[in-house]
Protein backbone atom coordinates (compact mmCIF):
# COMPACT_ATOMS: atom_id res chain seq x y z
CA MET A 1 3.12 -137.75 -142.28
CA GLY A 2 0.94 -136.24 -139.61
CA VAL A 3 1.82 -133.27 -137.00
CA CYS A 4 0.14 -132.93 -133.58
CA VAL A 5 -0.49 -129.43 -132.60
CA ILE A 6 -1.42 -128.28 -128.96
CA PRO A 7 -2.47 -124.67 -128.33
CA TYR A 8 -0.51 -122.93 -125.42
CA ASP A 9 -0.95 -119.33 -123.56
CA GLY A 10 2.50 -118.56 -123.14
CA VAL A 11 6.01 -119.99 -123.05
CA ASP A 12 5.39 -121.14 -119.26
CA GLU A 13 2.61 -123.12 -120.21
CA ALA A 14 4.34 -124.40 -123.37
CA VAL A 15 7.07 -125.78 -120.97
CA ARG A 16 4.57 -127.10 -118.67
CA LEU A 17 2.91 -129.24 -121.77
CA ALA A 18 6.23 -130.41 -122.99
CA ASN A 19 7.30 -131.93 -119.44
CA ASP A 20 3.67 -133.41 -118.80
CA SER A 21 5.09 -136.63 -119.99
CA VAL A 22 6.57 -139.69 -118.70
CA TYR A 23 8.99 -139.80 -121.34
CA GLY A 24 11.75 -137.58 -122.34
CA LEU A 25 14.01 -138.67 -124.81
CA SER A 26 14.39 -135.49 -127.17
CA GLY A 27 12.30 -132.63 -128.45
CA SER A 28 13.15 -129.65 -130.46
CA VAL A 29 12.54 -125.71 -130.00
CA TRP A 30 11.35 -123.41 -133.10
CA THR A 31 11.75 -119.80 -132.64
CA LYS A 32 13.03 -116.72 -134.29
CA ASP A 33 14.43 -115.39 -130.86
CA SER A 34 17.20 -117.66 -130.10
CA GLU A 35 17.78 -116.38 -126.53
CA LYS A 36 14.16 -117.13 -125.92
CA GLY A 37 14.40 -120.48 -127.50
CA LEU A 38 17.39 -121.39 -125.48
CA ALA A 39 15.48 -120.46 -122.08
CA VAL A 40 12.98 -122.72 -123.30
CA ALA A 41 15.23 -125.56 -123.84
CA ARG A 42 16.70 -125.32 -120.39
CA GLY A 43 13.04 -125.61 -118.89
CA ILE A 44 12.35 -128.92 -121.11
CA ARG A 45 13.27 -131.96 -119.47
CA THR A 46 14.61 -133.98 -122.43
CA GLY A 47 17.95 -135.72 -122.74
CA GLY A 48 18.65 -133.90 -125.92
CA LEU A 49 17.01 -130.91 -127.29
CA THR A 50 17.63 -129.18 -130.77
CA ILE A 51 16.71 -125.37 -131.53
CA ASN A 52 15.55 -124.78 -135.07
CA ASN A 53 16.68 -128.01 -136.23
CA ALA A 54 20.28 -127.72 -135.25
CA THR A 55 22.64 -130.93 -136.09
CA ALA A 56 23.05 -132.71 -132.56
CA ASP A 57 26.70 -133.88 -131.90
CA LEU A 58 26.37 -137.64 -132.28
CA LEU A 59 29.92 -138.05 -130.23
CA SER A 60 28.58 -136.09 -126.94
CA PRO A 61 27.13 -137.99 -124.35
CA PHE A 62 23.12 -139.17 -125.40
CA GLY A 63 20.47 -140.45 -123.22
CA GLY A 64 16.77 -140.00 -122.41
CA PHE A 65 15.02 -138.41 -119.09
CA LYS A 66 12.36 -140.19 -117.09
CA GLN A 67 11.02 -143.11 -118.76
CA SER A 68 13.31 -142.88 -121.85
CA GLY A 69 16.36 -144.78 -121.41
CA ILE A 70 18.85 -145.43 -118.70
CA GLY A 71 22.22 -143.70 -118.39
CA ARG A 72 24.07 -141.94 -121.01
CA GLU A 73 26.18 -143.34 -124.24
CA PHE A 74 29.07 -142.23 -125.55
CA GLY A 75 31.68 -139.78 -123.71
CA PRO A 76 33.27 -139.74 -119.95
CA GLU A 77 29.62 -139.89 -118.65
CA ALA A 78 29.17 -143.42 -120.00
CA ILE A 79 32.20 -144.70 -118.42
CA ASN A 80 30.46 -143.80 -114.81
CA HIS A 81 28.09 -147.18 -115.34
CA TYR A 82 31.17 -149.45 -114.92
CA ILE A 83 33.04 -147.24 -111.87
CA GLU A 84 32.41 -148.02 -108.37
CA HIS A 85 33.92 -145.72 -105.94
CA LYS A 86 35.12 -146.71 -102.69
CA ALA A 87 36.58 -144.56 -99.83
CA ILE A 88 38.93 -146.37 -97.38
CA ALA A 89 40.02 -144.72 -94.28
CA VAL A 90 43.29 -145.86 -92.36
């Protein structure tokens, strides 16, 4: 198994590097500082993200951003693909 490591200078650059991709299916943040990890996770554009190998809820809506998937699976968000809203004024 291989690992890809990209050096960075500071959290802002790490988030920029993580977002510098046409894909955004999922990601992971590893840290000893859970508050900082949550802030970093909020800045990364992925459909799902874990912090310190947390278990993702497989029943929650899931899907990617950018060129990683279309829409969401599971949850009420998945039903929106089948709904067309119409406004009628009388």
